[in-house]
Each structure stands twice: as structure tokens, then as C-alpha cells.
Amino acid sequence: ESCPSLINEQPYGHEETLLGARNRLKAALAITMSRHPRPDYVVSMENGIVDMAGGSFDLAWVIVHRIRDGAEAAVPSAGVQF
């Protein structure tokens, strides 16, 4: 199910891209908690443009949330230079 990122249509930078993933996770958790049975994990991701040494990259931030205890991991993808 799609959840809104509540950020710019084209996120720029790590901070905004990660915020989009967090906003999507929050919306997904609200939907998930009303369902039975609940899943073990909820995953969200957001793509954005990030300037790094060597150029601009399109990369994703991915957040995995474990329902049982709320543990989370957030990681960026390798990115594609353009």
C-alpha cells in the first residue's frame, strides 16, 4: 500500500530523503496496526538526489521496522551516479 512522504516531489539531500522514508514509515505503521494479523516487519523507502564527491547520485533510504519491539534499521542504497 502506498503511503505519502509529505516532502518535495524530488527530494534533495540525505536529510530530506530520510525524512520522506520516516514519514512513509509512520503512515504505514498507522495502517498496519489496525490489521490482523499484524506483519512482523514494516519497510519504507524514499529515493532522492544527493551530491557527493564525484557528482550527483540517485539513492534510496530504506527503513526496516520490527513490530514486536520497535527496533529499526535505516540504511542508504549505493546510489546511481548521473
C-alpha atoms as a PDB file:
ATOM      1  CA  GLU A   1       0.000   0.000   0.000  1.00  0.00           C
ATOM      2  CA  SER A   2       1.319   3.456  -0.879  1.00  0.00           C
ATOM      3  CA  CYS A   3       1.924   5.995   1.885  1.00  0.00           C
ATOM      4  CA  PRO A   4       2.720   9.699   1.453  1.00  0.00           C
ATOM      5  CA  SER A   5       6.237  11.025   2.014  1.00  0.00           C
ATOM      6  CA  LEU A   6       4.998  14.573   2.779  1.00  0.00           C
ATOM      7  CA  ILE A   7       8.152  16.100   1.272  1.00  0.00           C
ATOM      8  CA  ASN A   8       9.093  17.598  -2.113  1.00  0.00           C
ATOM      9  CA  GLU A   9       8.267  15.512  -5.163  1.00  0.00           C
ATOM     10  CA  GLN A  10      12.023  15.272  -5.844  1.00  0.00           C
ATOM     11  CA  PRO A  11      13.839  15.082  -2.504  1.00  0.00           C
ATOM     12  CA  TYR A  12      17.325  16.586  -2.352  1.00  0.00           C
ATOM     13  CA  GLY A  13      19.976  15.539   0.128  1.00  0.00           C
ATOM     14  CA  HIS A  14      20.217  12.797   2.722  1.00  0.00           C
ATOM     15  CA  GLU A  15      18.190  14.677   5.344  1.00  0.00           C
ATOM     16  CA  GLU A  16      15.100  15.281   3.203  1.00  0.00           C
ATOM     17  CA  THR A  17      15.236  11.809   1.642  1.00  0.00           C
ATOM     18  CA  LEU A  18      15.467  10.117   5.046  1.00  0.00           C
ATOM     19  CA  LEU A  19      12.610  12.301   6.326  1.00  0.00           C
ATOM     20  CA  GLY A  20      10.461  11.081   3.428  1.00  0.00           C
ATOM     21  CA  ALA A  21      11.211   7.462   4.362  1.00  0.00           C
ATOM     22  CA  ARG A  22      10.374   8.175   8.022  1.00  0.00           C
ATOM     23  CA  ASN A  23       7.088   9.857   7.052  1.00  0.00           C
ATOM     24  CA  ARG A  24       6.162   6.873   4.884  1.00  0.00           C
ATOM     25  CA  LEU A  25       7.008   4.505   7.746  1.00  0.00           C
ATOM     26  CA  LYS A  26       4.827   6.451  10.176  1.00  0.00           C
ATOM     27  CA  ALA A  27       1.860   6.267   7.785  1.00  0.00           C
ATOM     28  CA  ALA A  28       2.467   2.572   7.077  1.00  0.00           C
ATOM     29  CA  LEU A  29       2.605   1.789  10.794  1.00  0.00           C
ATOM     30  CA  ALA A  30      -0.729   3.557  11.349  1.00  0.00           C
ATOM     31  CA  ILE A  31      -2.313   1.369   8.670  1.00  0.00           C
ATOM     32  CA  THR A  32      -0.569  -1.804   9.829  1.00  0.00           C
ATOM     33  CA  MET A  33      -1.519  -1.532  13.496  1.00  0.00           C
ATOM     34  CA  SER A  34      -5.213  -1.753  12.593  1.00  0.00           C
ATOM     35  CA  ARG A  35      -4.763  -5.019  10.688  1.00  0.00           C
ATOM     36  CA  HIS A  36      -4.941  -8.543  11.987  1.00  0.00           C
ATOM     37  CA  PRO A  37      -2.775 -10.455  11.853  1.00  0.00           C
ATOM     38  CA  ARG A  38      -0.025  -7.873  12.042  1.00  0.00           C
ATOM     39  CA  PRO A  39       3.113  -8.375   9.977  1.00  0.00           C
ATOM     40  CA  ASP A  40       6.484  -8.970  11.617  1.00  0.00           C
ATOM     41  CA  TYR A  41       8.117  -6.047   9.806  1.00  0.00           C
ATOM     42  CA  VAL A  42       7.171  -2.822   8.016  1.00  0.00           C
ATOM     43  CA  VAL A  43       9.527  -1.404   5.376  1.00  0.00           C
ATOM     44  CA  SER A  44       9.584   2.080   3.871  1.00  0.00           C
ATOM     45  CA  MET A  45      11.856   3.748   1.353  1.00  0.00           C
ATOM     46  CA  GLU A  46      12.373   7.058  -0.377  1.00  0.00           C
ATOM     47  CA  ASN A  47      14.595   7.983  -3.322  1.00  0.00           C
ATOM     48  CA  GLY A  48      16.360  11.317  -3.567  1.00  0.00           C
ATOM     49  CA  ILE A  49      19.225  13.173  -5.212  1.00  0.00           C
ATOM     50  CA  VAL A  50      22.420  13.561  -3.186  1.00  0.00           C
ATOM     51  CA  ASP A  51      25.556  15.470  -4.202  1.00  0.00           C
ATOM     52  CA  MET A  52      28.731  13.679  -3.184  1.00  0.00           C
ATOM     53  CA  ALA A  53      32.356  13.748  -4.242  1.00  0.00           C
ATOM     54  CA  GLY A  54      32.384  12.831  -7.896  1.00  0.00           C
ATOM     55  CA  GLY A  55      28.895  14.032  -8.789  1.00  0.00           C
ATOM     56  CA  SER A  56      25.203  13.661  -8.131  1.00  0.00           C
ATOM     57  CA  PHE A  57      23.647  10.330  -7.173  1.00  0.00           C
ATOM     58  CA  ASP A  58      20.095   8.991  -7.100  1.00  0.00           C
ATOM     59  CA  LEU A  59      19.881   6.881  -3.967  1.00  0.00           C
ATOM     60  CA  ALA A  60      17.303   5.461  -1.597  1.00  0.00           C
ATOM     61  CA  TRP A  61      16.956   5.437   2.161  1.00  0.00           C
ATOM     62  CA  VAL A  62      15.335   2.238   3.420  1.00  0.00           C
ATOM     63  CA  ILE A  63      13.933   1.767   6.935  1.00  0.00           C
ATOM     64  CA  VAL A  64      13.022  -1.646   8.348  1.00  0.00           C
ATOM     65  CA  HIS A  65      10.841  -1.562  11.494  1.00  0.00           C
ATOM     66  CA  ARG A  66      10.278  -4.687  13.597  1.00  0.00           C
ATOM     67  CA  ILE A  67       6.747  -4.625  15.021  1.00  0.00           C
ATOM     68  CA  ARG A  68       7.484  -6.833  18.047  1.00  0.00           C
ATOM     69  CA  ASP A  69       9.850  -4.408  19.793  1.00  0.00           C
ATOM     70  CA  GLY A  70      10.037  -1.296  17.591  1.00  0.00           C
ATOM     71  CA  ALA A  71      13.654  -1.905  16.602  1.00  0.00           C
ATOM     72  CA  GLU A  72      14.633  -0.083  13.423  1.00  0.00           C
ATOM     73  CA  ALA A  73      17.459  -0.041  10.910  1.00  0.00           C
ATOM     74  CA  ALA A  74      17.886   2.755   8.373  1.00  0.00           C
ATOM     75  CA  VAL A  75      20.368   2.373   5.529  1.00  0.00           C
ATOM     76  CA  PRO A  76      21.101   4.201   2.265  1.00  0.00           C
ATOM     77  CA  SER A  77      21.495   2.392  -1.032  1.00  0.00           C
ATOM     78  CA  ALA A  78      24.700   2.596  -3.050  1.00  0.00           C
ATOM     79  CA  GLY A  79      23.145   5.084  -5.461  1.00  0.00           C
ATOM     80  CA  VAL A  80      23.423   5.588  -9.200  1.00  0.00           C
ATOM     81  CA  GLN A  81      25.594   8.426 -10.483  1.00  0.00           C
ATOM     82  CA  PHE A  82      24.227  10.642 -13.221  1.00  0.00           C
END
